[in-house]
N, C-alpha and C. Protein backbone atom coordinates (compact mmCIF):
# COMPACT_ATOMS: atom_id res chain seq x y z
N MET A 1 5.85 -6.88 -13.58
CA MET A 1 4.96 -5.84 -13.12
C MET A 1 5.18 -4.63 -14.01
N SER A 2 4.11 -4.09 -14.51
CA SER A 2 4.23 -2.92 -15.37
C SER A 2 4.53 -1.68 -14.52
N PHE A 3 5.08 -0.70 -15.18
CA PHE A 3 5.42 0.54 -14.49
C PHE A 3 4.17 1.18 -13.89
N ALA A 4 3.05 1.10 -14.61
CA ALA A 4 1.81 1.70 -14.12
C ALA A 4 1.34 1.02 -12.84
N ASP A 5 1.46 -0.31 -12.80
CA ASP A 5 1.07 -1.05 -11.60
C ASP A 5 1.98 -0.69 -10.42
N LYS A 6 3.28 -0.60 -10.70
CA LYS A 6 4.22 -0.23 -9.63
C LYS A 6 3.90 1.15 -9.09
N ALA A 7 3.62 2.08 -9.97
CA ALA A 7 3.32 3.45 -9.56
C ALA A 7 2.02 3.50 -8.75
N LYS A 8 1.03 2.76 -9.21
CA LYS A 8 -0.26 2.74 -8.50
C LYS A 8 -0.09 2.14 -7.10
N ASN A 9 0.65 1.04 -7.00
CA ASN A 9 0.87 0.42 -5.70
C ASN A 9 1.67 1.33 -4.78
N ALA A 10 2.66 2.01 -5.33
CA ALA A 10 3.46 2.94 -4.53
C ALA A 10 2.59 4.10 -4.03
N ALA A 11 1.69 4.58 -4.87
CA ALA A 11 0.80 5.67 -4.48
C ALA A 11 -0.15 5.21 -3.37
N GLU A 12 -0.66 3.99 -3.50
CA GLU A 12 -1.55 3.45 -2.46
C GLU A 12 -0.80 3.31 -1.14
N ASP A 13 0.45 2.85 -1.22
CA ASP A 13 1.25 2.69 -0.02
C ASP A 13 1.51 4.05 0.64
N LEU A 14 1.84 5.03 -0.17
CA LEU A 14 2.10 6.37 0.34
C LEU A 14 0.84 6.98 0.97
N ALA A 15 -0.30 6.77 0.34
CA ALA A 15 -1.56 7.28 0.89
C ALA A 15 -1.86 6.60 2.23
N GLY A 16 -1.58 5.31 2.30
CA GLY A 16 -1.78 4.58 3.55
C GLY A 16 -0.89 5.11 4.66
N LYS A 17 0.36 5.40 4.32
CA LYS A 17 1.29 5.94 5.32
C LYS A 17 0.81 7.32 5.79
N ALA A 18 0.31 8.11 4.86
CA ALA A 18 -0.18 9.44 5.21
C ALA A 18 -1.38 9.33 6.16
N LYS A 19 -2.30 8.42 5.85
CA LYS A 19 -3.47 8.22 6.72
C LYS A 19 -3.03 7.78 8.11
N GLU A 20 -2.04 6.88 8.15
CA GLU A 20 -1.56 6.40 9.45
C GLU A 20 -0.99 7.54 10.28
N VAL A 21 -0.18 8.39 9.66
CA VAL A 21 0.44 9.51 10.37
C VAL A 21 -0.62 10.50 10.84
N VAL A 22 -1.56 10.84 9.96
CA VAL A 22 -2.62 11.78 10.33
C VAL A 22 -3.44 11.20 11.49
N GLY A 23 -3.71 9.91 11.41
CA GLY A 23 -4.45 9.25 12.49
C GLY A 23 -3.71 9.32 13.82
N LYS A 24 -2.39 9.11 13.78
CA LYS A 24 -1.59 9.20 15.00
C LYS A 24 -1.59 10.61 15.56
N VAL A 25 -1.40 11.59 14.68
CA VAL A 25 -1.31 12.98 15.12
C VAL A 25 -2.63 13.47 15.71
N THR A 26 -3.73 13.09 15.09
CA THR A 26 -5.04 13.56 15.53
C THR A 26 -5.67 12.67 16.59
N GLY A 27 -5.06 11.52 16.85
CA GLY A 27 -5.63 10.60 17.82
C GLY A 27 -6.80 9.80 17.27
N ASP A 28 -6.91 9.74 15.96
CA ASP A 28 -8.00 9.01 15.30
C ASP A 28 -7.53 7.58 15.04
N ASP A 29 -7.86 6.67 15.95
CA ASP A 29 -7.42 5.28 15.83
C ASP A 29 -7.98 4.62 14.58
N SER A 30 -9.19 4.98 14.20
CA SER A 30 -9.81 4.40 13.01
C SER A 30 -9.03 4.76 11.75
N LEU A 31 -8.64 6.01 11.62
CA LEU A 31 -7.89 6.46 10.45
C LEU A 31 -6.49 5.82 10.43
N GLU A 32 -5.89 5.72 11.60
CA GLU A 32 -4.57 5.08 11.70
C GLU A 32 -4.65 3.62 11.25
N THR A 33 -5.67 2.91 11.70
CA THR A 33 -5.87 1.52 11.31
C THR A 33 -6.14 1.39 9.82
N GLU A 34 -6.95 2.31 9.29
CA GLU A 34 -7.25 2.30 7.85
C GLU A 34 -5.97 2.49 7.04
N GLY A 35 -5.09 3.36 7.49
CA GLY A 35 -3.82 3.58 6.82
C GLY A 35 -2.95 2.34 6.82
N LYS A 36 -2.90 1.66 7.95
CA LYS A 36 -2.12 0.43 8.04
C LYS A 36 -2.71 -0.64 7.12
N THR A 37 -4.03 -0.70 7.07
CA THR A 37 -4.69 -1.67 6.19
C THR A 37 -4.39 -1.38 4.73
N ASP A 38 -4.45 -0.11 4.35
CA ASP A 38 -4.13 0.28 2.97
C ASP A 38 -2.71 -0.14 2.60
N GLN A 39 -1.78 0.04 3.52
CA GLN A 39 -0.40 -0.34 3.27
C GLN A 39 -0.28 -1.86 3.10
N GLY A 40 -1.00 -2.60 3.91
CA GLY A 40 -0.98 -4.06 3.80
C GLY A 40 -1.54 -4.54 2.47
N VAL A 41 -2.62 -3.93 2.03
CA VAL A 41 -3.21 -4.29 0.74
C VAL A 41 -2.24 -3.99 -0.39
N SER A 42 -1.58 -2.86 -0.31
CA SER A 42 -0.59 -2.49 -1.32
C SER A 42 0.56 -3.50 -1.34
N ASP A 43 1.01 -3.91 -0.18
CA ASP A 43 2.10 -4.89 -0.10
C ASP A 43 1.68 -6.22 -0.73
N LEU A 44 0.45 -6.64 -0.48
CA LEU A 44 -0.04 -7.89 -1.08
C LEU A 44 -0.12 -7.79 -2.59
N LYS A 45 -0.58 -6.65 -3.08
CA LYS A 45 -0.65 -6.46 -4.54
C LYS A 45 0.75 -6.51 -5.15
N GLN A 46 1.70 -5.88 -4.49
CA GLN A 46 3.08 -5.88 -5.00
C GLN A 46 3.63 -7.30 -5.01
N ALA A 47 3.36 -8.06 -3.97
CA ALA A 47 3.84 -9.44 -3.92
C ALA A 47 3.22 -10.28 -5.03
N GLY A 48 1.93 -10.08 -5.28
CA GLY A 48 1.26 -10.80 -6.35
C GLY A 48 1.84 -10.47 -7.71
N GLU A 49 2.12 -9.20 -7.94
CA GLU A 49 2.71 -8.78 -9.21
C GLU A 49 4.11 -9.36 -9.37
N LYS A 50 4.88 -9.39 -8.29
CA LYS A 50 6.23 -9.96 -8.35
C LYS A 50 6.17 -11.45 -8.66
N ALA A 51 5.20 -12.14 -8.09
CA ALA A 51 5.04 -13.57 -8.36
C ALA A 51 4.69 -13.79 -9.83
N LYS A 52 3.81 -12.97 -10.37
CA LYS A 52 3.46 -13.09 -11.80
C LYS A 52 4.69 -12.86 -12.66
N ASP A 53 5.49 -11.86 -12.29
CA ASP A 53 6.71 -11.59 -13.05
C ASP A 53 7.68 -12.76 -13.00
N ALA A 54 7.78 -13.41 -11.83
CA ALA A 54 8.70 -14.53 -11.68
C ALA A 54 8.29 -15.69 -12.59
N PHE A 55 6.99 -15.92 -12.75
CA PHE A 55 6.54 -17.00 -13.60
C PHE A 55 6.69 -16.67 -15.09
N LYS A 56 6.70 -15.40 -15.43
CA LYS A 56 6.88 -14.99 -16.82
C LYS A 56 8.31 -15.25 -17.28
N HIS A 57 9.26 -15.15 -16.34
CA HIS A 57 10.68 -15.30 -16.71
C HIS A 57 11.04 -16.70 -16.46
């Protein structure tokens, strides 16, 4: 996984966490769910990149 991909995935994860927290604080269930979804997508991307790295080595 390249450094740029890691940074992008980390930023997406952080944005998702922020959305989740804002959703909880404001009572916006939709925003909270969107944040959790963003985090899940980021986790899947990270897993895919790790799998690609494993096959390269």
